[in-house]
């Protein structure tokens, strides 16, 4: 088995982004970004995922580049 950190390294050049210490998301499944409670991502299946405060700025930059 691998840690999330290892998967993050493996998928670093793809459309996956680590938004929180517990979440690595597929950007193709992001439906929208909510700027509430510090920032959240809503996936295509309706799941809300919190974005870590320290990762929010880089996530927004990544979102505009993708």
Protein backbone atom coordinates (compact mmCIF):
# COMPACT_ATOMS: atom_id res chain seq x y z
CA UNK A 1 0.00 0.00 0.00
CA UNK A 2 1.07 3.60 -0.59
CA UNK A 3 0.52 6.81 1.32
CA UNK A 4 -1.40 9.75 -0.08
CA UNK A 5 1.91 11.63 -0.28
CA UNK A 6 3.31 8.91 -2.58
CA UNK A 7 0.24 9.07 -4.82
CA UNK A 8 0.56 12.85 -4.88
CA UNK A 9 4.12 12.49 -6.23
CA UNK A 10 3.08 9.86 -8.78
CA UNK A 11 0.19 12.00 -10.06
CA UNK A 12 1.93 15.38 -9.82
CA UNK A 13 2.07 15.85 -13.61
CA UNK A 14 -1.56 14.97 -14.16
CA UNK A 15 -4.94 16.56 -13.45
CA UNK A 16 -4.91 15.58 -9.78
CA UNK A 17 -4.42 18.14 -7.03
CA UNK A 18 -3.91 17.77 -3.30
CA UNK A 19 -6.32 20.22 -1.69
CA UNK A 20 -5.98 18.97 1.89
CA UNK A 21 -3.80 16.55 3.84
CA UNK A 22 -6.59 14.00 3.48
CA UNK A 23 -7.75 14.69 -0.08
CA UNK A 24 -6.26 14.29 -3.54
CA UNK A 25 -8.85 15.21 -6.15
CA UNK A 26 -9.28 14.60 -9.86
CA UNK A 27 -9.76 18.05 -11.42
CA UNK A 28 -11.94 16.48 -14.15
CA UNK A 29 -14.50 15.74 -11.41
CA UNK A 30 -14.63 19.27 -9.97
CA UNK A 31 -18.02 20.84 -10.59
CA UNK A 32 -17.44 24.16 -8.81
CA UNK A 33 -15.53 26.05 -6.17
CA UNK A 34 -17.33 27.52 -3.15
CA UNK A 35 -15.68 30.40 -1.34
CA UNK A 36 -17.35 29.55 1.98
CA UNK A 37 -15.84 28.13 5.16
CA UNK A 38 -12.38 28.94 3.82
CA UNK A 39 -13.00 27.28 0.45
CA UNK A 40 -14.58 24.08 -0.76
CA UNK A 41 -14.71 22.05 -3.94
CA UNK A 42 -17.93 20.43 -5.08
CA UNK A 43 -17.44 17.29 -7.16
CA UNK A 44 -19.69 16.06 -9.95
CA UNK A 45 -21.34 13.61 -7.54
CA UNK A 46 -22.15 16.41 -5.07
CA UNK A 47 -19.47 15.76 -2.45
CA UNK A 48 -18.06 18.89 -0.76
CA UNK A 49 -14.34 18.75 -0.02
CA UNK A 50 -12.63 21.28 2.20
CA UNK A 51 -9.56 23.06 0.85
CA UNK A 52 -6.77 23.64 3.35
CA UNK A 53 -6.17 27.35 3.99
CA UNK A 54 -2.51 27.09 3.11
CA UNK A 55 -3.30 25.32 -0.18
CA UNK A 56 -6.17 27.57 -1.31
CA UNK A 57 -4.13 30.20 -3.17
CA UNK A 58 -2.15 27.58 -5.12
CA UNK A 59 -5.34 25.64 -5.83
CA UNK A 60 -7.03 28.72 -7.33
CA UNK A 61 -3.95 29.32 -9.48
CA UNK A 62 -3.95 25.65 -10.58
CA UNK A 63 -7.69 25.87 -11.30
CA UNK A 64 -7.24 28.81 -13.68
CA UNK A 65 -4.33 27.12 -15.48
CA UNK A 66 -6.12 23.81 -16.03
